[in-house]
C-alpha atoms as a PDB file:
ATOM      1  CA  MET A   1      74.085 -17.429 -39.960  1.00  0.00           C
ATOM      2  CA  LYS A   2      74.736 -17.496 -36.196  1.00  0.00           C
ATOM      3  CA  LEU A   3      73.569 -13.920 -35.998  1.00  0.00           C
ATOM      4  CA  SER A   4      70.296 -14.749 -37.771  1.00  0.00           C
ATOM      5  CA  LYS A   5      69.653 -17.654 -35.390  1.00  0.00           C
ATOM      6  CA  THR A   6      70.265 -15.352 -32.447  1.00  0.00           C
ATOM      7  CA  ILE A   7      67.734 -12.805 -33.788  1.00  0.00           C
ATOM      8  CA  ILE A   8      65.080 -15.502 -34.230  1.00  0.00           C
ATOM      9  CA  VAL A   9      65.518 -16.764 -30.703  1.00  0.00           C
ATOM     10  CA  LEU A  10      65.269 -13.205 -29.331  1.00  0.00           C
ATOM     11  CA  LEU A  11      62.065 -12.631 -31.313  1.00  0.00           C
ATOM     12  CA  VAL A  12      60.499 -15.871 -30.000  1.00  0.00           C
ATOM     13  CA  ILE A  13      61.401 -14.842 -26.443  1.00  0.00           C
ATOM     14  CA  ILE A  14      59.910 -11.318 -26.884  1.00  0.00           C
ATOM     15  CA  SER A  15      56.708 -12.846 -28.349  1.00  0.00           C
ATOM     16  CA  PHE A  16      56.364 -15.253 -25.420  1.00  0.00           C
ATOM     17  CA  VAL A  17      56.983 -12.517 -22.890  1.00  0.00           C
ATOM     18  CA  GLY A  18      54.343 -10.311 -24.564  1.00  0.00           C
ATOM     19  CA  CYS A  19      51.721 -13.081 -24.368  1.00  0.00           C
ATOM     20  CA  SER A  20      52.677 -13.821 -20.810  1.00  0.00           C
ATOM     21  CA  THR A  21      52.318 -10.240 -19.814  1.00  0.00           C
ATOM     22  CA  SER A  22      48.847  -9.993 -21.339  1.00  0.00           C
ATOM     23  CA  GLN A  23      47.691 -13.090 -19.456  1.00  0.00           C
ATOM     24  CA  GLU A  24      49.170 -11.785 -16.237  1.00  0.00           C
ATOM     25  CA  LYS A  25      47.257  -8.558 -16.639  1.00  0.00           C
ATOM     26  CA  ALA A  26      43.974 -10.479 -17.008  1.00  0.00           C
ATOM     27  CA  MET A  27      44.804 -12.661 -14.038  1.00  0.00           C
ATOM     28  CA  THR A  28      45.926  -9.611 -12.052  1.00  0.00           C
ATOM     29  CA  ALA A  29      42.482  -7.964 -12.546  1.00  0.00           C
ATOM     30  CA  ARG A  30      40.726 -11.113 -11.249  1.00  0.00           C
ATOM     31  CA  GLU A  31      43.146 -11.472  -8.344  1.00  0.00           C
ATOM     32  CA  LEU A  32      42.667  -7.804  -7.367  1.00  0.00           C
ATOM     33  CA  ASN A  33      38.921  -8.325  -7.458  1.00  0.00           C
ATOM     34  CA  GLN A  34      39.212 -11.465  -5.253  1.00  0.00           C
ATOM     35  CA  GLU A  35      41.384  -9.636  -2.779  1.00  0.00           C
ATOM     36  CA  ALA A  36      38.925  -6.716  -2.688  1.00  0.00           C
ATOM     37  CA  ILE A  37      36.061  -9.172  -1.822  1.00  0.00           C
ATOM     38  CA  VAL A  38      38.088 -10.404   1.128  1.00  0.00           C
ATOM     39  CA  LEU A  39      38.685  -6.785   2.270  1.00  0.00           C
ATOM     40  CA  LEU A  40      35.012  -6.044   1.997  1.00  0.00           C
ATOM     41  CA  THR A  41      33.637  -9.125   3.669  1.00  0.00           C
ATOM     42  CA  ASP A  42      36.167 -10.511   6.170  1.00  0.00           C
ATOM     43  CA  LEU A  43      35.641  -8.630   9.462  1.00  0.00           C
ATOM     44  CA  ASP A  44      39.183  -9.423  10.559  1.00  0.00           C
ATOM     45  CA  LYS A  45      40.715  -8.035   7.371  1.00  0.00           C
ATOM     46  CA  MET A  46      38.124  -5.371   6.391  1.00  0.00           C
ATOM     47  CA  ASP A  47      39.754  -2.389   4.730  1.00  0.00           C
ATOM     48  CA  ILE A  48      37.262  -0.552   2.446  1.00  0.00           C
ATOM     49  CA  ASP A  49      39.725   2.024   1.157  1.00  0.00           C
ATOM     50  CA  LYS A  50      42.266  -0.652   0.258  1.00  0.00           C
ATOM     51  CA  ALA A  51      39.535  -2.732  -1.432  1.00  0.00           C
ATOM     52  CA  LEU A  52      38.548   0.376  -3.453  1.00  0.00           C
ATOM     53  CA  GLU A  53      42.201   0.776  -4.624  1.00  0.00           C
ATOM     54  CA  HIS A  54      42.254  -2.861  -5.727  1.00  0.00           C
ATOM     55  CA  LEU A  55      38.985  -2.482  -7.638  1.00  0.00           C
ATOM     56  CA  ASN A  56      40.085   0.756  -9.353  1.00  0.00           C
ATOM     57  CA  GLU A  57      43.163  -1.005 -10.601  1.00  0.00           C
ATOM     58  CA  ALA A  58      41.161  -4.087 -11.692  1.00  0.00           C
ATOM     59  CA  ILE A  59      38.835  -1.879 -13.699  1.00  0.00           C
ATOM     60  CA  ARG A  60      41.779   0.014 -15.195  1.00  0.00           C
ATOM     61  CA  LEU A  61      43.171  -3.326 -16.416  1.00  0.00           C
ATOM     62  CA  ASP A  62      39.780  -4.569 -17.637  1.00  0.00           C
ATOM     63  CA  GLN A  63      37.187  -1.882 -18.340  1.00  0.00           C
ATOM     64  CA  ASN A  64      34.495  -4.511 -18.987  1.00  0.00           C
ATOM     65  CA  PHE A  65      34.934  -6.359 -15.770  1.00  0.00           C
ATOM     66  CA  VAL A  66      31.318  -6.392 -14.498  1.00  0.00           C
ATOM     67  CA  GLU A  67      31.956  -8.147 -11.180  1.00  0.00           C
ATOM     68  CA  ALA A  68      34.563  -5.498 -10.303  1.00  0.00           C
ATOM     69  CA  TYR A  69      32.063  -2.714 -10.963  1.00  0.00           C
ATOM     70  CA  LEU A  70      29.524  -4.421  -8.746  1.00  0.00           C
ATOM     71  CA  ASN A  71      32.062  -4.856  -5.945  1.00  0.00           C
ATOM     72  CA  ARG A  72      33.234  -1.291  -6.315  1.00  0.00           C
ATOM     73  CA  ALA A  73      29.604  -0.163  -6.082  1.00  0.00           C
ATOM     74  CA  GLN A  74      29.316  -1.988  -2.757  1.00  0.00           C
ATOM     75  CA  ALA A  75      32.499  -0.314  -1.543  1.00  0.00           C
ATOM     76  CA  HIS A  76      31.074   3.109  -2.452  1.00  0.00           C
ATOM     77  CA  LEU A  77      27.889   2.272  -0.539  1.00  0.00           C
ATOM     78  CA  LEU A  78      29.877   1.300   2.510  1.00  0.00           C
ATOM     79  CA  LEU A  79      31.656   4.672   2.249  1.00  0.00           C
ATOM     80  CA  ASP A  80      28.253   6.428   1.970  1.00  0.00           C
ATOM     81  CA  LYS A  81      28.846   7.473  -1.586  1.00  0.00           C
ATOM     82  CA  PRO A  82      25.641   6.335  -3.328  1.00  0.00           C
ATOM     83  CA  ARG A  83      26.082   8.472  -6.430  1.00  0.00           C
ATOM     84  CA  HIS A  84      29.388   6.748  -7.201  1.00  0.00           C
ATOM     85  CA  ALA A  85      27.832   3.365  -6.385  1.00  0.00           C
ATOM     86  CA  PHE A  86      24.986   3.854  -8.900  1.00  0.00           C
ATOM     87  CA  ASP A  87      27.458   5.073 -11.590  1.00  0.00           C
ATOM     88  CA  ASP A  88      29.087   1.626 -11.226  1.00  0.00           C
ATOM     89  CA  PHE A  89      25.818  -0.263 -11.168  1.00  0.00           C
ATOM     90  CA  ASN A  90      24.608   1.551 -14.323  1.00  0.00           C
ATOM     91  CA  ARG A  91      27.980   0.945 -16.083  1.00  0.00           C
ATOM     92  CA  ALA A  92      27.631  -2.790 -15.220  1.00  0.00           C
ATOM     93  CA  SER A  93      24.145  -2.833 -16.709  1.00  0.00           C
ATOM     94  CA  GLN A  94      25.365  -1.209 -19.920  1.00  0.00           C
ATOM     95  CA  ILE A  95      28.131  -3.769 -20.253  1.00  0.00           C
ATOM     96  CA  LYS A  96      25.838  -6.756 -19.494  1.00  0.00           C
ATOM     97  CA  PRO A  97      22.243  -5.693 -20.004  1.00  0.00           C
ATOM     98  CA  ASN A  98      20.877  -9.232 -19.684  1.00  0.00           C
ATOM     99  CA  SER A  99      22.520 -10.007 -16.371  1.00  0.00           C
ATOM    100  CA  ALA A 100      19.996 -10.794 -13.600  1.00  0.00           C
ATOM    101  CA  GLU A 101      22.790 -10.362 -11.043  1.00  0.00           C
ATOM    102  CA  VAL A 102      23.337  -6.737 -12.054  1.00  0.00           C
ATOM    103  CA  TYR A 103      19.657  -5.841 -11.513  1.00  0.00           C
ATOM    104  CA  PHE A 104      19.574  -7.938  -8.311  1.00  0.00           C
ATOM    105  CA  GLN A 105      22.485  -6.085  -6.743  1.00  0.00           C
ATOM    106  CA  ARG A 106      21.284  -2.672  -7.844  1.00  0.00           C
ATOM    107  CA  GLY A 107      17.808  -3.476  -6.523  1.00  0.00           C
ATOM    108  CA  LYS A 108      19.181  -4.415  -3.140  1.00  0.00           C
ATOM    109  CA  ALA A 109      21.098  -1.126  -3.072  1.00  0.00           C
ATOM    110  CA  TYR A 110      17.958   0.841  -3.882  1.00  0.00           C
ATOM    111  CA  LEU A 111      16.058  -1.024  -1.153  1.00  0.00           C
ATOM    112  CA  SER A 112      18.755  -0.281   1.455  1.00  0.00           C
ATOM    113  CA  LEU A 113      18.326   3.438   0.590  1.00  0.00           C
ATOM    114  CA  GLU A 114      14.549   3.139   0.898  1.00  0.00           C
ATOM    115  CA  LYS A 115      13.960   3.751  -2.858  1.00  0.00           C
ATOM    116  CA  GLU A 116      11.348   1.010  -2.944  1.00  0.00           C
ATOM    117  CA  GLU A 117       9.859   1.728  -6.410  1.00  0.00           C
ATOM    118  CA  LYS A 118      13.283   1.631  -8.164  1.00  0.00           C
ATOM    119  CA  ALA A 119      14.134  -1.515  -6.203  1.00  0.00           C
ATOM    120  CA  PHE A 120      10.888  -3.138  -7.373  1.00  0.00           C
ATOM    121  CA  GLU A 121      11.640  -2.299 -10.992  1.00  0.00           C
ATOM    122  CA  ASP A 122      15.024  -3.858 -10.811  1.00  0.00           C
ATOM    123  CA  PHE A 123      13.767  -7.038  -9.080  1.00  0.00           C
ATOM    124  CA  ASN A 124      11.131  -7.363 -11.738  1.00  0.00           C
ATOM    125  CA  LYS A 125      13.760  -7.083 -14.512  1.00  0.00           C
ATOM    126  CA  ALA A 126      15.917  -9.605 -12.777  1.00  0.00           C
ATOM    127  CA  LEU A 127      13.014 -12.027 -12.386  1.00  0.00           C
ATOM    128  CA  GLN A 128      12.327 -11.830 -16.095  1.00  0.00           C
ATOM    129  CA  LEU A 129      15.866 -12.946 -16.644  1.00  0.00           C
ATOM    130  CA  ALA A 130      15.984 -15.476 -13.777  1.00  0.00           C
ATOM    131  CA  PRO A 131      12.406 -16.574 -13.044  1.00  0.00           C
ATOM    132  CA  SER A 132      13.514 -19.535 -10.763  1.00  0.00           C
ATOM    133  CA  SER A 133      15.514 -17.319  -8.331  1.00  0.00           C
ATOM    134  CA  ALA A 134      14.266 -17.774  -4.765  1.00  0.00           C
ATOM    135  CA  ASP A 135      16.469 -14.875  -3.639  1.00  0.00           C
ATOM    136  CA  LEU A 136      14.765 -12.519  -6.128  1.00  0.00           C
ATOM    137  CA  TYR A 137      11.272 -13.439  -4.912  1.00  0.00           C
ATOM    138  CA  PHE A 138      12.492 -12.932  -1.398  1.00  0.00           C
ATOM    139  CA  GLU A 139      13.905  -9.486  -2.041  1.00  0.00           C
ATOM    140  CA  ARG A 140      10.759  -8.358  -4.000  1.00  0.00           C
ATOM    141  CA  GLY A 141       8.699  -9.688  -1.110  1.00  0.00           C
ATOM    142  CA  LYS A 142      10.662  -7.450   1.251  1.00  0.00           C
ATOM    143  CA  VAL A 143       9.805  -4.450  -0.942  1.00  0.00           C
ATOM    144  CA  TYR A 144       6.115  -5.320  -0.702  1.00  0.00           C
ATOM    145  CA  PHE A 145       6.499  -5.884   3.026  1.00  0.00           C
ATOM    146  CA  SER A 146       8.187  -2.551   3.690  1.00  0.00           C
ATOM    147  CA  LEU A 147       5.345  -0.784   1.799  1.00  0.00           C
ATOM    148  CA  GLY A 148       2.632  -2.618   3.726  1.00  0.00           C
ATOM    149  CA  VAL A 149       1.384  -4.598   0.654  1.00  0.00           C
ATOM    150  CA  TYR A 150       1.268  -7.700   2.832  1.00  0.00           C
ATOM    151  CA  ASN A 151      -0.698 -10.027   0.545  1.00  0.00           C
ATOM    152  CA  LYS A 152       1.853  -9.551  -2.270  1.00  0.00           C
ATOM    153  CA  ALA A 153       4.713 -10.001   0.122  1.00  0.00           C
ATOM    154  CA  TYR A 154       3.127 -13.224   1.347  1.00  0.00           C
ATOM    155  CA  GLU A 155       2.857 -14.504  -2.245  1.00  0.00           C
ATOM    156  CA  ASP A 156       6.545 -13.767  -2.994  1.00  0.00           C
ATOM    157  CA  PHE A 157       7.800 -15.324   0.219  1.00  0.00           C
ATOM    158  CA  ASN A 158       5.804 -18.423  -0.550  1.00  0.00           C
ATOM    159  CA  GLN A 159       7.157 -18.564  -4.042  1.00  0.00           C
ATOM    160  CA  ALA A 160      10.734 -18.360  -2.672  1.00  0.00           C
ATOM    161  CA  LEU A 161       9.966 -21.310  -0.398  1.00  0.00           C
ATOM    162  CA  ASN A 162       8.415 -23.255  -3.287  1.00  0.00           C
ATOM    163  CA  ILE A 163      11.766 -22.985  -5.031  1.00  0.00           C
ATOM    164  CA  VAL A 164      14.007 -23.465  -1.987  1.00  0.00           C
ATOM    165  CA  PRO A 165      12.052 -25.101   0.858  1.00  0.00           C
ATOM    166  CA  ASN A 166      14.513 -24.070   3.588  1.00  0.00           C
ATOM    167  CA  HIS A 167      14.916 -20.463   2.400  1.00  0.00           C
ATOM    168  CA  LYS A 168      15.105 -17.687   4.930  1.00  0.00           C
ATOM    169  CA  ALA A 169      11.867 -16.331   3.482  1.00  0.00           C
ATOM    170  CA  ARG A 170      10.193 -18.601   5.977  1.00  0.00           C
ATOM    171  CA  LEU A 171      11.099 -16.172   8.775  1.00  0.00           C
ATOM    172  CA  TYR A 172       9.452 -13.321   6.894  1.00  0.00           C
ATOM    173  CA  LEU A 173       6.460 -15.443   6.013  1.00  0.00           C
ATOM    174  CA  ASN A 174       5.690 -15.976   9.690  1.00  0.00           C
ATOM    175  CA  GLU A 175       6.125 -12.201  10.283  1.00  0.00           C
ATOM    176  CA  VAL A 176       3.822 -11.090   7.489  1.00  0.00           C
ATOM    177  CA  GLU A 177       0.951 -13.527   8.241  1.00  0.00           C
ATOM    178  CA  PRO A 178      -0.557 -11.505  11.085  1.00  0.00           C
ATOM    179  CA  PHE A 179      -0.770  -8.394   8.857  1.00  0.00           C
ATOM    180  CA  LEU A 180      -2.730  -9.951   5.967  1.00  0.00           C
ATOM    181  CA  ALA A 181      -6.039  -8.752   7.453  1.00  0.00           C
ATOM    182  CA  LEU A 182      -4.889  -5.094   7.008  1.00  0.00           C
ATOM    183  CA  VAL A 183      -4.825  -5.444   3.190  1.00  0.00           C
ATOM    184  CA  THR A 184      -7.894  -4.501   1.195  1.00  0.00           C
ATOM    185  CA  PRO A 185      -7.570  -5.175  -2.555  1.00  0.00           C
ATOM    186  CA  PHE A 186      -9.809  -2.845  -4.574  1.00  0.00           C
ATOM    187  CA  ASP A 187     -11.604  -5.734  -6.222  1.00  0.00           C
ATOM    188  CA  LYS A 188     -12.837  -6.770  -2.757  1.00  0.00           C
ATOM    189  CA  VAL A 189     -13.788  -3.335  -1.422  1.00  0.00           C
ATOM    190  CA  SER A 190     -17.306  -1.980  -1.122  1.00  0.00           C
ATOM    191  CA  PRO A 191     -16.684   1.731  -1.439  1.00  0.00           C
ATOM    192  CA  ASP A 192     -18.719   4.325   0.459  1.00  0.00           C
ATOM    193  CA  PHE A 193     -20.452   6.291  -2.285  1.00  0.00           C
ATOM    194  CA  SER A 194     -22.297   8.596   0.126  1.00  0.00           C
ATOM    195  CA  SER A 195     -19.678  11.371  -0.185  1.00  0.00           C
ATOM    196  CA  ALA A 196     -19.928  11.743  -3.938  1.00  0.00           C
ATOM    197  CA  SER A 197     -21.885  14.489  -5.526  1.00  0.00           C
ATOM    198  CA  ALA A 198     -24.427  13.499  -8.151  1.00  0.00           C
ATOM    199  CA  SER A 199     -22.602  15.217 -10.989  1.00  0.00           C
ATOM    200  CA  TYR A 200     -20.034  17.686 -11.959  1.00  0.00           C
ATOM    201  CA  SER A 201     -21.059  20.368 -14.442  1.00  0.00           C
ATOM    202  CA  TYR A 202     -17.653  21.487 -15.572  1.00  0.00           C
ATOM    203  CA  SER A 203     -17.896  23.112 -19.011  1.00  0.00           C
ATOM    204  CA  ASP A 204     -17.244  20.834 -21.950  1.00  0.00           C
ATOM    205  CA  LYS A 205     -15.098  23.608 -23.462  1.00  0.00           C
ATOM    206  CA  LYS A 206     -12.486  22.756 -20.846  1.00  0.00           C
ATOM    207  CA  LYS A 207     -12.232  19.153 -21.977  1.00  0.00           C
ATOM    208  CA  ASP A 208      -8.848  19.693 -23.598  1.00  0.00           C
ATOM    209  CA  LYS A 209      -7.720  16.145 -22.981  1.00  0.00           C
ATOM    210  CA  VAL A 210     -10.088  13.295 -22.150  1.00  0.00           C
ATOM    211  CA  TYR A 211      -9.023   9.683 -21.990  1.00  0.00           C
ATOM    212  CA  LYS A 212     -11.516   7.435 -23.623  1.00  0.00           C
ATOM    213  CA  THR A 213     -11.638   4.711 -21.010  1.00  0.00           C
ATOM    214  CA  ASP A 214     -13.844   3.954 -18.018  1.00  0.00           C
ATOM    215  CA  GLN A 215     -12.248   7.047 -16.432  1.00  0.00           C
ATOM    216  CA  ASP A 216     -13.578   9.523 -18.917  1.00  0.00           C
ATOM    217  CA  MET A 217     -14.750  11.492 -15.864  1.00  0.00           C
ATOM    218  CA  CYS A 218     -11.216  12.631 -15.155  1.00  0.00           C
ATOM    219  CA  ILE A 219     -10.246  15.677 -17.234  1.00  0.00           C
ATOM    220  CA  ASN A 220      -6.954  17.389 -17.498  1.00  0.00           C
ATOM    221  CA  LEU A 221      -7.470  21.150 -16.784  1.00  0.00           C
ATOM    222  CA  ASN A 222      -3.986  21.886 -18.081  1.00  0.00           C
ATOM    223  CA  ASP A 223      -3.052  23.963 -15.037  1.00  0.00           C
ATOM    224  CA  GLY A 224      -1.500  21.153 -13.002  1.00  0.00           C
ATOM    225  CA  THR A 225      -4.866  19.850 -11.845  1.00  0.00           C
ATOM    226  CA  VAL A 226      -7.461  17.276 -12.854  1.00  0.00           C
ATOM    227  CA  ALA A 227     -11.256  17.484 -12.460  1.00  0.00           C
ATOM    228  CA  ASP A 228     -13.237  14.381 -11.501  1.00  0.00           C
ATOM    229  CA  ARG A 229     -16.799  14.985 -12.763  1.00  0.00           C
ATOM    230  CA  SER A 230     -18.195  12.111 -10.770  1.00  0.00           C
ATOM    231  CA  THR A 231     -17.290  13.665  -7.434  1.00  0.00           C
ATOM    232  CA  GLY A 232     -16.775  17.347  -8.196  1.00  0.00           C
ATOM    233  CA  LYS A 233     -13.220  17.116  -6.743  1.00  0.00           C
ATOM    234  CA  ILE A 234     -10.163  18.849  -8.131  1.00  0.00           C
ATOM    235  CA  TRP A 235      -6.954  16.839  -7.828  1.00  0.00           C
ATOM    236  CA  GLN A 236      -3.321  17.573  -8.050  1.00  0.00           C
ATOM    237  CA  LYS A 237      -2.189  16.044 -11.404  1.00  0.00           C
ATOM    238  CA  GLU A 238       1.420  15.308 -10.636  1.00  0.00           C
ATOM    239  CA  THR A 239       2.836  14.707  -7.204  1.00  0.00           C
ATOM    240  CA  ASP A 240       6.500  15.754  -6.533  1.00  0.00           C
ATOM    241  CA  ASP A 241       9.185  13.160  -6.254  1.00  0.00           C
ATOM    242  CA  ARG A 242       9.422  13.523  -2.465  1.00  0.00           C
ATOM    243  CA  THR A 243       8.108  10.979   0.027  1.00  0.00           C
ATOM    244  CA  ARG A 244       7.043  12.225   3.416  1.00  0.00           C
ATOM    245  CA  ASP A 245       5.824  10.892   6.747  1.00  0.00           C
ATOM    246  CA  TRP A 246       2.148  11.274   7.433  1.00  0.00           C
ATOM    247  CA  SER A 247       2.381  14.619   9.313  1.00  0.00           C
ATOM    248  CA  GLU A 248       4.674  16.121   6.703  1.00  0.00           C
ATOM    249  CA  ALA A 249       2.285  14.960   3.891  1.00  0.00           C
ATOM    250  CA  ARG A 250      -0.649  16.653   5.558  1.00  0.00           C
ATOM    251  CA  SER A 251       1.301  19.910   6.116  1.00  0.00           C
ATOM    252  CA  TYR A 252       2.500  19.809   2.452  1.00  0.00           C
ATOM    253  CA  CYS A 253      -1.065  19.722   1.178  1.00  0.00           C
ATOM    254  CA  GLU A 254      -2.316  22.418   3.548  1.00  0.00           C
ATOM    255  CA  GLY A 255       0.570  24.638   2.508  1.00  0.00           C
ATOM    256  CA  LEU A 256       0.242  23.947  -1.288  1.00  0.00           C
ATOM    257  CA  THR A 257      -0.565  26.717  -3.672  1.00  0.00           C
ATOM    258  CA  LEU A 258      -1.514  25.343  -7.135  1.00  0.00           C
ATOM    259  CA  ALA A 259      -3.590  26.730  -9.996  1.00  0.00           C
ATOM    260  CA  GLY A 260      -4.241  29.844  -7.994  1.00  0.00           C
ATOM    261  CA  TYR A 261      -5.788  27.932  -5.050  1.00  0.00           C
ATOM    262  CA  ASN A 262      -4.429  27.413  -1.529  1.00  0.00           C
ATOM    263  CA  ASP A 263      -7.215  25.356  -0.006  1.00  0.00           C
ATOM    264  CA  TRP A 264      -5.709  21.949  -0.733  1.00  0.00           C
ATOM    265  CA  ILE A 265      -5.991  19.080   1.742  1.00  0.00           C
ATOM    266  CA  MET A 266      -4.847  15.478   2.071  1.00  0.00           C
ATOM    267  CA  PRO A 267      -7.704  13.175   0.890  1.00  0.00           C
ATOM    268  CA  ASP A 268      -9.375  10.748   3.199  1.00  0.00           C
ATOM    269  CA  SER A 269      -9.329   7.068   2.301  1.00  0.00           C
ATOM    270  CA  ASN A 270     -12.784   7.011   0.636  1.00  0.00           C
ATOM    271  CA  THR A 271     -11.978  10.128  -1.414  1.00  0.00           C
ATOM    272  CA  LEU A 272      -8.721   8.634  -2.757  1.00  0.00           C
ATOM    273  CA  LYS A 273     -10.440   5.343  -3.525  1.00  0.00           C
ATOM    274  CA  TRP A 274     -12.760   7.289  -5.887  1.00  0.00           C
ATOM    275  CA  LEU A 275      -9.970   7.584  -8.389  1.00  0.00           C
ATOM    276  CA  ASN A 276     -10.433   3.843  -9.005  1.00  0.00           C
ATOM    277  CA  ILE A 277     -14.230   3.984  -9.151  1.00  0.00           C
ATOM    278  CA  TYR A 278     -16.415   4.554 -12.193  1.00  0.00           C
ATOM    279  CA  LYS A 279     -20.187   3.842 -12.256  1.00  0.00           C
ATOM    280  CA  ASN A 280     -19.814   1.976  -9.017  1.00  0.00           C
ATOM    281  CA  LYS A 281     -17.247  -0.501 -10.329  1.00  0.00           C
ATOM    282  CA  ILE A 282     -13.521  -0.840  -9.944  1.00  0.00           C
ATOM    283  CA  VAL A 283     -11.418   0.554 -12.784  1.00  0.00           C
ATOM    284  CA  PRO A 284      -7.716   1.441 -13.341  1.00  0.00           C
ATOM    285  CA  ILE A 285      -6.746   4.957 -12.289  1.00  0.00           C
ATOM    286  CA  SER A 286      -7.031   7.377 -15.271  1.00  0.00           C
ATOM    287  CA  LYS A 287      -4.014   7.812 -17.406  1.00  0.00           C
ATOM    288  CA  VAL A 288      -4.429  11.573 -17.127  1.00  0.00           C
ATOM    289  CA  PHE A 289      -2.698  11.347 -13.753  1.00  0.00           C
ATOM    290  CA  GLU A 290       1.052  10.871 -13.267  1.00  0.00           C
ATOM    291  CA  THR A 291       0.834   8.082 -10.757  1.00  0.00           C
ATOM    292  CA  LYS A 292       3.640   6.544  -8.739  1.00  0.00           C
ATOM    293  CA  ARG A 293       2.800   2.992  -7.660  1.00  0.00           C
ATOM    294  CA  TRP A 294       4.080   3.090  -4.107  1.00  0.00           C
ATOM    295  CA  GLY A 295       2.051   4.409  -1.287  1.00  0.00           C
ATOM    296  CA  TYR A 296      -0.086   7.532  -1.189  1.00  0.00           C
ATOM    297  CA  TRP A 297      -1.151   8.762   2.191  1.00  0.00           C
ATOM    298  CA  THR A 298      -4.718   9.454   3.184  1.00  0.00           C
ATOM    299  CA  SER A 299      -5.812  11.607   6.124  1.00  0.00           C
ATOM    300  CA  SER A 300      -7.618   8.606   7.636  1.00  0.00           C
ATOM    301  CA  THR A 301      -6.096   7.414  10.893  1.00  0.00           C
ATOM    302  CA  SER A 302      -6.384   3.758  11.695  1.00  0.00           C
ATOM    303  CA  PRO A 303      -9.339   3.134  14.086  1.00  0.00           C
ATOM    304  CA  ALA A 304      -7.238   0.528  15.866  1.00  0.00           C
ATOM    305  CA  ASN A 305      -4.059   2.600  16.367  1.00  0.00           C
ATOM    306  CA  ILE A 306      -3.720   6.399  16.450  1.00  0.00           C
ATOM    307  CA  ASN A 307      -0.080   6.023  15.322  1.00  0.00           C
ATOM    308  CA  GLU A 308      -1.168   4.401  12.046  1.00  0.00           C
ATOM    309  CA  ALA A 309      -2.914   5.709   8.990  1.00  0.00           C
ATOM    310  CA  LYS A 310      -4.449   4.386   5.815  1.00  0.00           C
ATOM    311  CA  ALA A 311      -2.635   4.532   2.493  1.00  0.00           C
ATOM    312  CA  VAL A 312      -3.295   3.396  -1.066  1.00  0.00           C
ATOM    313  CA  VAL A 313      -0.645   1.538  -3.055  1.00  0.00           C
ATOM    314  CA  TYR A 314      -1.035   1.147  -6.846  1.00  0.00           C
ATOM    315  CA  ASP A 315      -0.006  -1.958  -8.711  1.00  0.00           C
ATOM    316  CA  TYR A 316      -0.454  -3.291 -12.200  1.00  0.00           C
ATOM    317  CA  SER A 317      -3.287  -5.749 -12.626  1.00  0.00           C
ATOM    318  CA  GLY A 318      -3.813  -8.236 -15.428  1.00  0.00           C
ATOM    319  CA  ASN A 319      -7.566  -8.141 -14.596  1.00  0.00           C
ATOM    320  CA  PHE A 320      -7.629  -4.487 -15.774  1.00  0.00           C
ATOM    321  CA  ASN A 321      -5.438  -4.887 -18.896  1.00  0.00           C
ATOM    322  CA  GLY A 322      -2.290  -3.981 -17.000  1.00  0.00           C
ATOM    323  CA  GLY A 323      -3.823  -0.741 -15.627  1.00  0.00           C
ATOM    324  CA  LEU A 324      -2.971   0.597 -12.208  1.00  0.00           C
ATOM    325  CA  VAL A 325      -5.395  -0.373  -9.459  1.00  0.00           C
ATOM    326  CA  GLY A 326      -5.216   0.342  -5.790  1.00  0.00           C
ATOM    327  CA  ILE A 327      -4.542  -1.740  -2.690  1.00  0.00           C
ATOM    328  CA  GLY A 328      -5.561  -0.292   0.700  1.00  0.00           C
ATOM    329  CA  THR A 329      -2.956  -0.634   3.441  1.00  0.00           C
ATOM    330  CA  ILE A 330      -2.403   0.645   6.952  1.00  0.00           C
ATOM    331  CA  ASN A 331       1.045   1.981   7.772  1.00  0.00           C
ATOM    332  CA  ASN A 332       2.865   3.517  10.671  1.00  0.00           C
ATOM    333  CA  LYS A 333       2.685   7.353  10.354  1.00  0.00           C
ATOM    334  CA  ASN A 334       6.487   7.512  10.465  1.00  0.00           C
ATOM    335  CA  ALA A 335       6.697   5.665   7.134  1.00  0.00           C
ATOM    336  CA  TRP A 336       7.540   7.519   3.979  1.00  0.00           C
ATOM    337  CA  ARG A 337       4.839   7.782   1.274  1.00  0.00           C
ATOM    338  CA  TYR A 338       3.760  10.059  -1.543  1.00  0.00           C
ATOM    339  CA  VAL A 339       0.662  12.271  -1.302  1.00  0.00           C
ATOM    340  CA  ARG A 340      -1.796  13.591  -3.940  1.00  0.00           C
ATOM    341  CA  CYS A 341      -3.625  16.657  -2.702  1.00  0.00           C
ATOM    342  CA  VAL A 342      -7.317  17.413  -3.389  1.00  0.00           C
ATOM    343  CA  ARG A 343      -9.750  20.328  -3.060  1.00  0.00           C
ATOM    344  CA  ASP A 344     -13.482  20.895  -3.416  1.00  0.00           C
ATOM    345  CA  PRO A 345     -14.415  23.297  -6.227  1.00  0.00           C
END
């Protein structure tokens, strides 16, 4: 009888110890994460390597610990290991796909690496989940500002201030105001049609793929190029994934060999605008093109400053059923933009 009571007591103690150990593990993961935050943010105690050790252990103890993944991503960025950082950001988004914070943090990381288009996509996702976040409008405004889309930046900074009247967006608002005159939305532009040829007589037999929209004039030639029958121009269908400064973009086009031709050039601003013109009205860019939204260089130097050049940024517009329309901007020639090359037939 005494032996049985002893066994029961031992079993109760073992059970209690087991529960306690499990709780301690969960607490330990949180404590490790908190200690890592201190090591990443306190200048007097900063130790990134030690913080990374704590976060590795925290994630080992709790493989679904989203905050630890986000903090470990920040540690990797500080150590200049962006690939490891985005592995953690992506893992966090898989664990918690409806977390605005995950997209917010990943968007800021993309922006710090000058990957503006990816940052913009993440900030948009985050705003869908948290539409009342002043910080999100502020960060998206910074993307627009860095790309020279000053009117959109102005709208986002104002929205941040509407939500939080003393938000730091006010500083950026004052900075962006002087640049608003440099923005030319396509729905306000009066394009110069003098450079267009009357027609383009490309054989209908080559119309392998025609999009039945206002941009029927753009035809995929299935050799990496697109013909615009309204101007007679031949365009590069897909740009590569590289962004370049203005001089590099011009050199890229001049050195391009595509579809058997080597006489490609960087388009001037009027020529590039023609991709959004059909029958003298503004339309979305044809879906036959693979179009990146952010910043295509033109060869047109700013008349006010030889160190600046005109660019066209594409954005979705509700006025055109969500199609991509262009916004003309002026940017420093040292900025990084895409380029779509063109040639005369």
